[in-house]
Amino acid sequence: AARGASTPVGTWQTVRGRQPAALAEDRRIEEARARQQAVTNLKRARQAVNEYFTVVSQSKLFDVPNLQPLRKDLLEAAIQYYQTMADEQGNDPALLADLAIANLRAAIIFHEFNRNDDAIDAIARGLDNVEKLRHDFPDAKHEQLRLAGFWKARRSNPKTEMPRNPERVEQTLKKLVEVWEALARENPTVVAFQSDLAGANTTLALWQGNYGVRTNSPMIMQQGIDASKRAIAIWEQLAKDHPSVPDYQDNLIMLLGDYAWLLDRLGREAEALGEKQREMLLVEDLAARFPAIPQYRRYLAARLDSRAKELEKGGQLDEAAAVYSRELALGKELSAEFPTVADFSIVVCRSAVRLIRIAAETGRGDQLSLLRQDLAAALLRIQRLGASVGGTPGERWQAAQVLDDLAQTMLESGENALAESAFRSCVDLRRALAAEFPDNRSYRTGIAHACRWLSGIVGDPDRIEFLTEAVALLEKLYAEEPSDPDYVRFYPETCETLAWALLTTPRLESRNPSRAAKLAAKAVAIRPEVGNFWKTLGMAQFRAGEHEPAEQALQKAIELD
């Protein structure tokens, strides 16, 4: 064959030589397509997680108290997802941004649930994510911009516990302010970075204020004042520039209340009063402009309650009754719109309790019947809704406090059955909180005090059971804080009360002089100056057959009396 001519063998060899190359190219194209599809799928998955787990969790819809646990669960699920993805693909700046945002948002929720050490851990992790993003990917400007807007209006938690490591808290929160100052400076047109910076300063201010009060340090309290001023200036400007965005005014209002409290603690009463008045005006405005957001009306109810209590304390009962009546109307309005939210029924209970007290003092008996109907209906709603398992710890604590107030008011009015029902609900709420947060002394103290009240209403054997529970709780609390004046007073008093009950119960089978003597001995060991404790000790010892010690104890009681 001529040179270059085609032959069957030559053609086959050519095809066979080209086939592997063609197949490799096909595989390369298919693998590239698969990788691109995987990247697309990953982006879609992350977007879904971001929308449903983080963005949705921040929605105003979740401001209804019963949905707060779902907010926390969504964010914790998002963190777990992002962390897993970051471990597998650590060189992805978008994942680092997602993880940082989820951690910083989760920190706010952890605080609402009294998990303050977890909150600081989450902030620290979020800051680590941010620093890695900015250091390893300085050109990833789009991902850095996505960090803006993590802060949302904080919720109140009146019975929160201090974190265990104050130095770490201070360092972490100052670092949060420092990082967001840099981001806001580098991105002056991004409003959300300004909002986040105000939120970071707010968090630092609250920590410094509370820690300064706890340690009685005017210097640290002043640092809290300075951080508050920085945050207030930013919130004010944002609220002025963006009146259609309620979050800015919302955050300003909440910070002003804490700012006024701190000014009061520093003896700057006139300044504090001015800030309280400004806070009230802003709350009124916010509730009027955004009626579809129930929490703003709830804020207004809380501020009305504070104002009315000040008026009542100053003897201005008619003015106080008018403000309490506004609070009651708001509570009934919210309860009608949201019948499954126990927090709004609490507003009704609280204001009705105050109005009953004023009506009794001023002789307005014609109002009592309707107010008691409101009280009974609201109390029944709270009990049916199972408030002990819904809402944040702060909200459940507040519910217990309202029930406690309600019960005491009913006792003063001689309505013991309703008082007992309210006290029992109060104890159930506090027991659930103490089980969830066993290190929180406030919750355990609250149980003990409610049990003491209940023991004065119920008969035996319930009386002895409630007193026994109170003694057990106060014994541990006194051991933990032996210098706390409340425990020094109430622990021995409760021991003596239980001892007397064990001596005098009409149920003969429940009498126990030996146990009574041991309890009374604990009381006199702590407070030997109280003659009544020695009297109970002497009687218990006498009935237990210990005649000589009994004589000595009774002689001591006579001397002290």
Protein backbone atom coordinates (compact mmCIF):
# COMPACT_ATOMS: atom_id res chain seq x y z
CA ALA A 1 0.00 0.00 0.00
CA ALA A 2 1.12 3.50 -0.66
CA ARG A 3 2.60 5.45 2.16
CA GLY A 4 -0.12 7.11 4.20
CA ALA A 5 -2.90 5.07 2.67
CA SER A 6 -5.59 3.74 4.97
CA THR A 7 -5.82 0.05 5.79
CA PRO A 8 -8.29 -1.78 8.03
CA VAL A 9 -5.57 -2.56 10.52
CA GLY A 10 -4.26 1.00 10.52
CA THR A 11 -7.72 2.44 10.97
CA TRP A 12 -8.46 0.14 13.91
CA GLN A 13 -5.17 1.01 15.54
CA THR A 14 -5.94 4.71 15.18
CA VAL A 15 -9.39 4.33 16.72
CA ARG A 16 -8.05 2.15 19.50
CA GLY A 17 -5.33 4.72 20.21
CA ARG A 18 -7.79 7.58 20.44
CA GLN A 19 -10.47 5.77 22.49
CA PRO A 20 -8.83 6.03 25.94
CA ALA A 21 -8.19 9.73 25.46
CA ALA A 22 -11.78 10.37 24.43
CA LEU A 23 -13.09 8.37 27.36
CA ALA A 24 -10.85 10.24 29.77
CA GLU A 25 -12.10 13.53 28.42
CA ASP A 26 -15.68 12.37 28.85
CA ARG A 27 -14.96 11.34 32.41
CA ARG A 28 -13.29 14.66 33.12
CA ILE A 29 -16.28 16.57 31.79
CA GLU A 30 -18.70 14.38 33.76
CA GLU A 31 -16.69 14.75 36.99
CA ALA A 32 -16.56 18.52 36.55
CA ARG A 33 -20.31 18.56 35.98
CA ALA A 34 -20.84 16.42 39.09
CA ARG A 35 -18.59 18.68 41.19
CA GLN A 36 -20.45 21.74 40.00
CA GLN A 37 -23.74 20.07 40.80
CA ALA A 38 -22.46 19.13 44.26
CA VAL A 39 -21.40 22.73 44.88
CA THR A 40 -24.82 23.93 43.70
CA ASN A 41 -26.58 21.40 45.95
CA LEU A 42 -24.41 22.41 48.91
CA LYS A 43 -25.23 26.09 48.37
CA ARG A 44 -28.92 25.26 48.18
CA ALA A 45 -28.71 23.17 51.37
CA ARG A 46 -26.87 25.95 53.22
CA GLN A 47 -29.37 28.48 51.97
CA ALA A 48 -32.23 26.31 53.24
CA VAL A 49 -30.56 25.90 56.62
CA ASN A 50 -29.91 29.64 56.82
CA GLU A 51 -33.50 30.49 55.94
CA TYR A 52 -35.25 27.92 58.10
CA PHE A 53 -32.86 27.57 61.02
CA THR A 54 -31.38 31.03 61.48
CA VAL A 55 -33.40 33.67 59.65
CA VAL A 56 -36.76 32.10 60.53
CA SER A 57 -35.65 31.73 64.15
CA GLN A 58 -35.13 35.49 64.30
CA SER A 59 -38.62 36.31 62.99
CA LYS A 60 -40.88 38.52 65.11
CA LEU A 61 -43.35 35.64 65.05
CA PHE A 62 -41.12 33.94 67.62
CA ASP A 63 -41.52 36.84 70.04
CA VAL A 64 -44.61 35.07 71.36
CA PRO A 65 -43.17 33.54 74.57
CA ASN A 66 -44.30 29.95 73.98
CA LEU A 67 -42.25 29.80 70.75
CA GLN A 68 -38.94 30.80 72.36
CA PRO A 69 -37.81 27.17 72.88
CA LEU A 70 -38.30 26.52 69.16
CA ARG A 71 -36.07 29.52 68.37
CA LYS A 72 -33.29 28.00 70.50
CA ASP A 73 -33.70 24.53 68.97
CA LEU A 74 -33.51 25.92 65.42
CA LEU A 75 -30.28 27.78 66.09
CA GLU A 76 -28.65 24.83 67.85
CA ALA A 77 -29.53 22.63 64.87
CA ALA A 78 -28.01 25.21 62.50
CA ILE A 79 -24.76 25.36 64.50
CA GLN A 80 -24.43 21.58 64.44
CA TYR A 81 -25.01 21.52 60.67
CA TYR A 82 -22.55 24.33 59.89
CA GLN A 83 -19.89 22.91 62.21
CA THR A 84 -20.06 19.53 60.50
CA MET A 85 -19.76 21.17 57.08
CA ALA A 86 -16.89 23.40 58.25
CA ASP A 87 -14.99 20.37 59.58
CA GLU A 88 -15.35 18.71 56.18
CA GLN A 89 -14.70 21.84 54.09
CA GLY A 90 -12.68 24.15 56.30
CA ASN A 91 -11.46 26.29 53.38
CA ASP A 92 -14.91 27.63 52.53
CA PRO A 93 -15.36 31.29 53.59
CA ALA A 94 -19.14 31.08 53.13
CA LEU A 95 -19.32 28.28 55.69
CA LEU A 96 -17.23 30.28 58.16
CA ALA A 97 -19.63 33.21 57.79
CA ASP A 98 -22.65 30.95 58.30
CA LEU A 99 -21.11 29.39 61.40
CA ALA A 100 -20.16 32.78 62.86
CA ILE A 101 -23.68 34.15 62.38
CA ALA A 102 -25.34 31.07 63.89
CA ASN A 103 -23.06 31.14 66.95
CA LEU A 104 -23.59 34.86 67.59
CA ARG A 105 -27.36 34.55 67.25
CA ALA A 106 -27.39 31.49 69.47
CA ALA A 107 -25.55 33.43 72.20
CA ILE A 108 -28.52 35.79 72.51
CA ILE A 109 -30.92 32.86 72.87
CA PHE A 110 -28.70 31.08 75.40
CA HIS A 111 -28.84 34.20 77.58
CA GLU A 112 -32.64 34.20 77.42
CA PHE A 113 -32.59 30.62 78.71
CA ASN A 114 -30.19 31.46 81.57
CA ARG A 115 -27.33 29.54 79.91
CA ASN A 116 -24.86 32.40 80.23
CA ASP A 117 -21.68 30.34 80.16
CA ASP A 118 -22.95 28.75 76.95
CA ALA A 119 -23.69 32.24 75.63
CA ILE A 120 -20.10 33.39 76.22
CA ASP A 121 -18.79 30.18 74.63
CA ALA A 122 -20.96 30.82 71.57
CA ILE A 123 -19.71 34.42 71.24
CA ALA A 124 -16.11 33.23 71.54
CA ARG A 125 -16.65 30.58 68.85
CA GLY A 126 -18.35 33.12 66.61
CA LEU A 127 -15.45 35.55 67.01
CA ASP A 128 -12.98 32.77 66.18
CA ASN A 129 -14.96 32.12 62.99
CA VAL A 130 -14.94 35.83 62.11
CA GLU A 131 -11.22 36.23 62.72
CA LYS A 132 -10.42 33.14 60.63
CA LEU A 133 -12.61 34.46 57.83
CA ARG A 134 -10.94 37.90 57.88
CA HIS A 135 -7.40 36.52 58.23
CA ASP A 136 -7.50 33.56 55.83
CA PHE A 137 -9.83 35.11 53.26
CA PRO A 138 -9.17 38.88 53.22
CA ASP A 139 -10.62 39.18 49.70
CA ALA A 140 -13.89 37.41 50.61
CA LYS A 141 -15.69 40.73 51.03
CA HIS A 142 -19.10 39.32 50.14
CA GLU A 143 -18.87 36.73 52.94
CA GLN A 144 -17.70 39.38 55.42
CA LEU A 145 -20.67 41.55 54.53
CA ARG A 146 -22.95 38.63 55.36
CA LEU A 147 -21.84 38.95 59.01
CA ALA A 148 -23.90 42.13 59.30
CA GLY A 149 -27.24 41.89 61.09
CA PHE A 150 -26.77 39.08 63.60
CA TRP A 151 -28.11 41.22 66.48
CA LYS A 152 -31.81 41.20 67.23
CA ALA A 153 -33.69 42.86 70.05
CA ARG A 154 -32.76 41.09 73.26
CA ARG A 155 -35.42 39.68 75.56
CA SER A 156 -35.54 40.23 79.27
CA ASN A 157 -34.44 37.62 81.77
CA PRO A 158 -34.91 39.07 85.25
CA LYS A 159 -33.50 36.03 87.08
CA THR A 160 -30.37 35.30 85.10
CA GLU A 161 -27.27 33.78 86.71
CA MET A 162 -23.82 35.41 86.46
CA PRO A 163 -21.28 33.51 84.30
CA ARG A 164 -18.60 31.61 86.19
CA ASN A 165 -15.52 33.36 84.77
CA PRO A 166 -15.84 37.19 84.96
CA GLU A 167 -12.43 37.86 83.37
CA ARG A 168 -13.29 35.75 80.33
CA VAL A 169 -16.66 37.48 79.98
CA GLU A 170 -15.02 40.93 80.02
CA GLN A 171 -12.36 39.91 77.50
CA THR A 172 -14.85 38.22 75.16
CA LEU A 173 -17.33 41.09 75.13
CA LYS A 174 -14.63 43.74 74.66
CA LYS A 175 -13.28 41.71 71.76
CA LEU A 176 -16.79 41.55 70.27
CA VAL A 177 -17.00 45.36 70.42
CA GLU A 178 -13.50 45.71 68.96
CA VAL A 179 -14.17 43.39 66.00
CA TRP A 180 -17.48 45.05 65.17
CA GLU A 181 -15.96 48.52 65.45
CA ALA A 182 -13.52 47.44 62.72
CA LEU A 183 -16.29 45.99 60.55
CA ALA A 184 -18.44 49.10 60.95
CA ARG A 185 -15.46 51.35 60.17
CA GLU A 186 -14.56 49.36 57.05
CA ASN A 187 -18.20 49.31 55.86
CA PRO A 188 -19.65 52.72 56.82
CA THR A 189 -22.65 52.40 54.48
CA VAL A 190 -23.79 49.04 55.92
CA VAL A 191 -26.44 49.92 58.50
CA ALA A 192 -26.57 46.41 59.96
CA PHE A 193 -22.93 46.65 61.13
CA GLN A 194 -23.89 49.79 63.09
CA SER A 195 -26.82 47.92 64.64
CA ASP A 196 -24.56 45.01 65.58
CA LEU A 197 -22.02 47.40 67.11
CA ALA A 198 -24.77 48.96 69.23
CA GLY A 199 -25.81 45.45 70.28
CA ALA A 200 -22.23 44.54 71.22
CA ASN A 201 -21.92 47.69 73.35
CA THR A 202 -25.32 46.94 74.91
CA THR A 203 -24.16 43.46 75.93
CA LEU A 204 -20.93 44.86 77.39
CA ALA A 205 -22.87 47.57 79.25
CA LEU A 206 -25.26 45.07 80.80
CA TRP A 207 -22.42 42.85 81.93
CA GLN A 208 -20.40 45.71 83.43
CA GLY A 209 -23.46 47.22 85.10
CA ASN A 210 -24.60 43.99 86.72
CA TYR A 211 -21.09 42.88 87.68
CA GLY A 212 -20.33 46.32 89.09
CA VAL A 213 -23.44 46.18 91.26
CA ARG A 214 -22.68 42.61 92.31
CA THR A 215 -19.13 43.54 93.36
CA ASN A 216 -20.13 47.00 94.66
CA SER A 217 -17.65 48.66 92.31
CA PRO A 218 -18.59 52.21 91.20
CA MET A 219 -15.71 52.12 88.71
CA ILE A 220 -17.10 49.07 86.88
CA MET A 221 -20.62 50.53 87.05
CA GLN A 222 -19.28 53.70 85.39
CA GLN A 223 -17.77 51.57 82.65
CA GLY A 224 -21.26 50.16 82.13
CA ILE A 225 -22.61 53.73 81.92
CA ASP A 226 -20.00 54.61 79.26
CA ALA A 227 -20.79 51.51 77.17
CA SER A 228 -24.52 52.31 77.52
CA LYS A 229 -23.97 55.82 76.19
CA ARG A 230 -22.15 54.49 73.13
CA ALA A 231 -24.96 52.07 72.39
CA ILE A 232 -27.72 54.62 73.06
CA ALA A 233 -26.14 57.10 70.63
CA ILE A 234 -26.12 54.49 67.85
CA TRP A 235 -29.67 53.22 68.55
CA GLU A 236 -30.99 56.79 68.61
CA GLN A 237 -29.44 57.62 65.25
CA LEU A 238 -30.64 54.39 63.65
CA ALA A 239 -34.19 54.88 64.98
CA LYS A 240 -34.20 58.45 63.65
CA ASP A 241 -32.86 57.47 60.21
CA HIS A 242 -35.07 54.37 59.85
CA PRO A 243 -38.43 54.98 61.60
CA SER A 244 -40.08 52.08 59.74
CA VAL A 245 -37.70 49.56 61.38
CA PRO A 246 -39.00 48.93 64.92
CA ASP A 247 -35.99 46.93 66.13
CA TYR A 248 -33.84 50.03 66.58
CA GLN A 249 -36.32 51.78 68.86
CA ASP A 250 -37.04 48.45 70.56
CA ASN A 251 -33.38 48.02 71.51
CA LEU A 252 -33.12 51.65 72.59
CA ILE A 253 -36.11 51.24 74.92
CA MET A 254 -34.77 48.10 76.56
CA LEU A 255 -31.35 49.65 77.12
CA LEU A 256 -32.79 52.87 78.57
CA GLY A 257 -34.48 50.87 81.34
CA ASP A 258 -31.19 49.25 82.36
CA TYR A 259 -29.35 52.56 81.98
CA ALA A 260 -31.81 54.27 84.35
CA TRP A 261 -31.42 51.43 86.87
CA LEU A 262 -27.65 51.82 86.81
CA LEU A 263 -27.88 55.59 87.24
CA ASP A 264 -30.10 54.97 90.28
CA ARG A 265 -27.50 52.63 91.77
CA LEU A 266 -24.88 55.34 91.39
CA GLY A 267 -27.11 57.86 93.20
CA ARG A 268 -27.96 59.88 90.09
CA GLU A 269 -31.73 59.85 90.71
CA ALA A 270 -32.66 62.92 88.64
CA GLU A 271 -30.91 61.54 85.55
CA ALA A 272 -32.52 58.14 86.11
CA LEU A 273 -36.00 59.68 86.31
CA GLY A 274 -35.45 61.52 83.03
CA GLU A 275 -34.41 58.31 81.27
CA LYS A 276 -37.45 56.46 82.66
CA GLN A 277 -39.76 59.15 81.33
CA ARG A 278 -38.09 59.02 77.91
CA GLU A 279 -38.39 55.22 77.93
CA MET A 280 -42.12 55.43 78.64
CA LEU A 281 -42.74 57.85 75.77
CA LEU A 282 -40.83 55.63 73.35
CA VAL A 283 -42.74 52.51 74.46
CA GLU A 284 -46.08 54.28 73.98
CA ASP A 285 -44.99 55.35 70.50
CA LEU A 286 -43.72 51.89 69.50
CA ALA A 287 -46.86 50.08 70.66
CA ALA A 288 -49.05 52.60 68.79
CA ARG A 289 -47.09 52.43 65.53
CA PHE A 290 -46.67 48.63 65.43
CA PRO A 291 -49.85 47.13 66.94
CA ALA A 292 -49.37 43.88 65.02
CA ILE A 293 -46.31 43.01 67.15
CA PRO A 294 -47.76 41.81 70.48
CA GLN A 295 -44.53 42.10 72.42
CA TYR A 296 -44.57 45.89 72.10
CA ARG A 297 -47.92 46.05 73.87
CA ARG A 298 -46.48 43.64 76.41
CA TYR A 299 -43.57 46.04 76.97
CA LEU A 300 -46.06 48.86 77.47
CA ALA A 301 -47.96 46.80 80.05
CA ALA A 302 -44.72 46.22 81.99
CA ARG A 303 -43.85 49.92 81.97
CA LEU A 304 -47.36 50.84 83.07
CA ASP A 305 -47.03 48.41 85.97
CA SER A 306 -43.75 50.01 87.07
CA ARG A 307 -45.25 53.49 86.87
CA ALA A 308 -48.37 52.49 88.79
CA LYS A 309 -46.30 50.91 91.57
CA GLU A 310 -44.35 54.15 91.96
CA LEU A 311 -47.61 56.10 92.24
CA GLU A 312 -49.03 53.60 94.73
CA LYS A 313 -45.87 53.75 96.83
CA GLY A 314 -46.20 57.53 96.91
CA GLY A 315 -49.79 57.30 98.21
CA GLN A 316 -51.38 58.46 94.92
CA LEU A 317 -53.89 55.62 94.86
CA ASP A 318 -56.38 57.11 92.40
CA GLU A 319 -53.64 57.83 89.86
CA ALA A 320 -52.15 54.37 90.42
CA ALA A 321 -55.56 52.72 89.89
CA ALA A 322 -55.97 54.55 86.56
CA VAL A 323 -52.59 53.25 85.32
CA TYR A 324 -53.27 49.71 86.57
CA SER A 325 -56.60 49.83 84.73
CA ARG A 326 -54.78 50.61 81.49
CA GLU A 327 -52.47 47.66 82.14
CA LEU A 328 -55.45 45.37 82.82
CA ALA A 329 -57.16 46.46 79.57
CA LEU A 330 -53.97 45.71 77.62
CA GLY A 331 -53.65 42.30 79.25
CA LYS A 332 -57.24 41.36 78.46
CA GLU A 333 -56.79 42.57 74.87
CA LEU A 334 -53.64 40.47 74.39
CA SER A 335 -55.18 37.43 76.10
CA ALA A 336 -58.16 37.61 73.77
CA GLU A 337 -55.90 37.77 70.70
CA PHE A 338 -53.47 35.10 71.95
CA PRO A 339 -55.43 32.83 74.30
CA THR A 340 -52.69 30.17 74.36
CA VAL A 341 -49.95 32.53 75.63
CA ALA A 342 -49.78 32.36 79.41
CA ASP A 343 -47.61 35.48 79.63
CA PHE A 344 -50.52 37.70 78.60
CA SER A 345 -52.78 36.16 81.23
CA ILE A 346 -50.06 37.02 83.73
CA VAL A 347 -50.52 40.70 82.82
CA VAL A 348 -54.22 40.35 83.70
CA CYS A 349 -53.42 38.67 87.02
CA ARG A 350 -50.79 41.19 88.00
CA SER A 351 -52.86 44.30 87.31
CA ALA A 352 -56.04 42.83 88.81
CA VAL A 353 -54.16 41.93 92.00
CA ARG A 354 -52.97 45.52 92.37
CA LEU A 355 -56.43 46.93 91.67
CA ILE A 356 -58.04 44.63 94.25
CA ARG A 357 -55.58 45.86 96.85
CA ILE A 358 -56.33 49.51 96.06
CA ALA A 359 -60.10 48.87 95.94
CA ALA A 360 -59.94 47.24 99.38
CA GLU A 361 -57.93 50.15 100.80
CA THR A 362 -60.21 52.83 99.33
CA GLY A 363 -63.49 51.08 100.11
CA ARG A 364 -64.54 50.57 96.48
CA GLY A 365 -66.20 47.24 97.04
CA ASP A 366 -68.31 47.58 93.89
CA GLN A 367 -65.21 46.86 91.76
CA LEU A 368 -64.07 43.75 93.63
CA SER A 369 -66.49 41.28 92.06
CA LEU A 370 -65.47 41.98 88.45
CA LEU A 371 -61.79 42.10 89.33
CA ARG A 372 -61.98 38.73 91.07
CA GLN A 373 -63.70 37.28 88.01
CA ASP A 374 -60.83 38.54 85.85
CA LEU A 375 -58.35 37.04 88.31
CA ALA A 376 -60.02 33.65 88.49
CA ALA A 377 -60.33 33.39 84.70
CA ALA A 378 -56.71 34.40 84.10
CA LEU A 379 -55.42 32.03 86.78
CA LEU A 380 -57.39 29.17 85.25
CA ARG A 381 -55.89 29.92 81.82
CA ILE A 382 -52.38 29.89 83.22
CA GLN A 383 -52.95 26.56 84.95
CA ARG A 384 -54.53 24.98 81.86
CA LEU A 385 -51.79 26.19 79.54
CA GLY A 386 -49.20 24.40 81.61
CA ALA A 387 -47.08 27.50 82.05
CA SER A 388 -44.47 25.47 83.92
CA VAL A 389 -43.09 24.06 80.65
CA GLY A 390 -43.56 27.01 78.29
CA GLY A 391 -41.52 30.16 77.73
CA THR A 392 -38.07 31.23 78.84
CA PRO A 393 -36.89 30.81 82.45
CA GLY A 394 -37.36 34.54 83.00
CA GLU A 395 -40.95 34.40 81.80
CA ARG A 396 -41.74 31.35 83.90
CA TRP A 397 -40.16 32.97 86.95
CA GLN A 398 -42.27 36.04 86.38
CA ALA A 399 -45.36 33.85 86.10
CA ALA A 400 -44.51 32.29 89.46
CA GLN A 401 -43.99 35.72 91.00
CA VAL A 402 -47.39 36.91 89.79
CA LEU A 403 -49.05 33.78 91.17
CA ASP A 404 -47.26 34.37 94.47
CA ASP A 405 -48.52 37.97 94.58
CA LEU A 406 -52.01 36.84 93.63
CA ALA A 407 -52.07 34.22 96.36
CA GLN A 408 -50.96 36.65 99.06
CA THR A 409 -53.57 39.19 97.97
CA MET A 410 -56.27 36.54 98.11
CA LEU A 411 -55.13 35.57 101.59
CA GLU A 412 -55.49 39.16 102.73
CA SER A 413 -59.03 39.10 101.32
CA GLY A 414 -59.86 35.85 103.14
CA GLU A 415 -60.25 33.82 99.92
CA ASN A 416 -58.09 30.93 101.03
CA ALA A 417 -59.22 28.43 98.39
CA LEU A 418 -58.10 30.65 95.49
CA ALA A 419 -54.91 31.52 97.39
CA GLU A 420 -54.08 27.84 97.85
CA SER A 421 -54.68 27.14 94.15
CA ALA A 422 -52.37 30.01 93.12
CA PHE A 423 -49.65 29.00 95.59
CA ARG A 424 -49.71 25.39 94.36
CA SER A 425 -49.32 26.56 90.75
CA CYS A 426 -46.49 28.85 91.87
CA VAL A 427 -44.69 25.95 93.57
CA ASP A 428 -45.10 23.75 90.48
CA LEU A 429 -43.54 26.47 88.27
CA ARG A 430 -40.61 26.95 90.62
CA ARG A 431 -40.01 23.23 91.05
CA ALA A 432 -39.78 22.85 87.26
CA LEU A 433 -37.30 25.74 87.05
CA ALA A 434 -35.18 24.36 89.91
CA ALA A 435 -35.09 20.94 88.25
CA GLU A 436 -33.93 22.53 85.00
CA PHE A 437 -31.42 24.87 86.69
CA PRO A 438 -30.36 23.20 89.96
CA ASP A 439 -27.56 25.72 90.57
CA ASN A 440 -29.92 28.71 90.57
CA ARG A 441 -30.48 29.62 94.20
CA SER A 442 -33.30 32.06 93.40
CA TYR A 443 -35.49 29.26 92.09
CA ARG A 444 -34.91 27.06 95.14
CA THR A 445 -35.44 29.99 97.51
CA GLY A 446 -38.72 30.75 95.76
CA ILE A 447 -39.96 27.19 96.31
CA ALA A 448 -39.11 27.37 100.00
CA HIS A 449 -40.95 30.65 100.53
CA ALA A 450 -44.05 29.46 98.65
CA CYS A 451 -44.06 26.24 100.68
CA ARG A 452 -43.90 28.30 103.88
CA TRP A 453 -46.97 30.28 102.76
CA LEU A 454 -48.83 27.12 101.78
CA SER A 455 -48.16 25.55 105.15
CA GLY A 456 -50.18 28.34 106.71
CA ILE A 457 -53.25 27.55 104.58
CA VAL A 458 -53.44 23.78 104.28
CA GLY A 459 -54.07 21.26 107.01
CA ASP A 460 -52.02 18.22 107.99
CA PRO A 461 -50.44 16.15 106.60
CA ASP A 462 -49.90 18.64 103.73
CA ARG A 463 -48.72 21.31 106.18
CA ILE A 464 -45.91 19.11 107.49
CA GLU A 465 -44.96 18.00 103.95
CA PHE A 466 -44.63 21.57 102.68
CA LEU A 467 -42.63 22.63 105.73
CA THR A 468 -40.36 19.60 105.34
CA GLU A 469 -39.66 20.55 101.73
CA ALA A 470 -38.95 24.15 102.75
CA VAL A 471 -36.54 23.07 105.50
CA ALA A 472 -34.65 20.73 103.15
CA LEU A 473 -34.22 23.49 100.58
CA LEU A 474 -33.23 26.17 103.06
CA GLU A 475 -30.75 23.85 104.79
CA LYS A 476 -28.82 23.44 101.51
CA LEU A 477 -29.09 27.12 100.68
CA TYR A 478 -27.80 28.11 104.12
CA ALA A 479 -24.88 25.69 103.73
CA GLU A 480 -24.02 27.29 100.38
CA GLU A 481 -24.38 30.90 101.61
CA PRO A 482 -24.19 30.92 105.43
CA SER A 483 -23.79 34.71 105.53
CA ASP A 484 -26.85 35.50 103.42
CA PRO A 485 -29.22 37.41 105.73
CA ASP A 486 -32.34 35.84 104.18
CA TYR A 487 -31.11 32.32 104.86
CA VAL A 488 -29.88 33.27 108.34
CA ARG A 489 -33.40 34.45 109.09
CA PHE A 490 -35.66 32.04 107.24
CA TYR A 491 -33.83 28.74 107.72
CA PRO A 492 -34.02 28.70 111.55
CA GLU A 493 -37.54 30.19 111.48
CA THR A 494 -38.74 27.38 109.21
CA CYS A 495 -37.00 24.76 111.35
CA GLU A 496 -38.83 26.07 114.41
CA THR A 497 -42.16 26.24 112.56
CA LEU A 498 -41.84 22.61 111.46
CA ALA A 499 -40.78 21.59 114.98
CA TRP A 500 -43.90 23.23 116.41
CA ALA A 501 -46.08 21.53 113.79
CA LEU A 502 -44.61 18.14 114.72
CA LEU A 503 -45.46 18.81 118.36
CA THR A 504 -48.99 20.15 117.91
CA THR A 505 -50.46 18.41 114.85
CA PRO A 506 -53.96 17.05 115.58
CA ARG A 507 -52.92 13.88 113.73
CA LEU A 508 -51.43 12.02 116.68
CA GLU A 509 -49.64 9.52 114.44
CA SER A 510 -47.69 12.41 112.84
CA ARG A 511 -46.34 13.83 116.10
CA ASN A 512 -42.59 13.40 116.48
CA PRO A 513 -40.97 15.10 119.52
CA SER A 514 -37.48 13.72 118.81
CA ARG A 515 -37.44 15.13 115.28
CA ALA A 516 -38.92 18.37 116.59
CA ALA A 517 -36.12 18.67 119.18
CA LYS A 518 -33.43 18.26 116.47
CA LEU A 519 -35.06 20.92 114.32
CA ALA A 520 -35.40 23.37 117.19
CA ALA A 521 -31.77 22.73 118.16
CA LYS A 522 -30.72 23.80 114.64
CA ALA A 523 -32.75 26.99 115.02
CA VAL A 524 -31.17 28.01 118.34
CA ALA A 525 -27.67 27.15 117.05
CA ILE A 526 -28.03 29.75 114.31
CA ARG A 527 -30.05 32.37 116.18
CA PRO A 528 -29.58 31.83 119.93
CA GLU A 529 -30.99 35.29 120.71
CA VAL A 530 -34.58 34.26 119.78
CA GLY A 531 -36.44 33.20 122.93
CA ASN A 532 -39.28 31.49 121.05
CA PHE A 533 -36.80 29.03 119.51
CA TRP A 534 -35.61 28.01 122.98
CA LYS A 535 -39.23 27.60 124.12
CA THR A 536 -39.99 25.20 121.27
CA LEU A 537 -36.74 23.33 121.94
CA GLY A 538 -37.61 22.94 125.61
CA MET A 539 -41.11 21.64 124.88
CA ALA A 540 -39.81 19.19 122.29
CA GLN A 541 -37.12 17.88 124.63
CA PHE A 542 -39.61 17.54 127.47
CA ARG A 543 -42.01 15.49 125.31
CA ALA A 544 -39.09 13.41 124.09
CA GLY A 545 -38.25 12.55 127.71
CA GLU A 546 -35.15 14.77 127.92
CA HIS A 547 -36.25 16.60 131.07
CA GLU A 548 -32.99 18.18 132.23
CA PRO A 549 -32.08 19.77 128.85
CA ALA A 550 -35.72 20.82 128.53
CA GLU A 551 -35.57 22.69 131.82
CA GLN A 552 -32.40 24.50 130.75
CA ALA A 553 -33.92 25.47 127.37
CA LEU A 554 -37.11 26.79 128.94
CA GLN A 555 -35.12 28.78 131.50
CA LYS A 556 -33.18 30.34 128.60
CA ALA A 557 -36.45 31.23 126.89
CA ILE A 558 -37.67 33.01 130.05
CA GLU A 559 -34.42 34.98 130.30
CA LEU A 560 -34.64 36.15 126.67
CA ASP A 561 -38.29 37.08 126.95
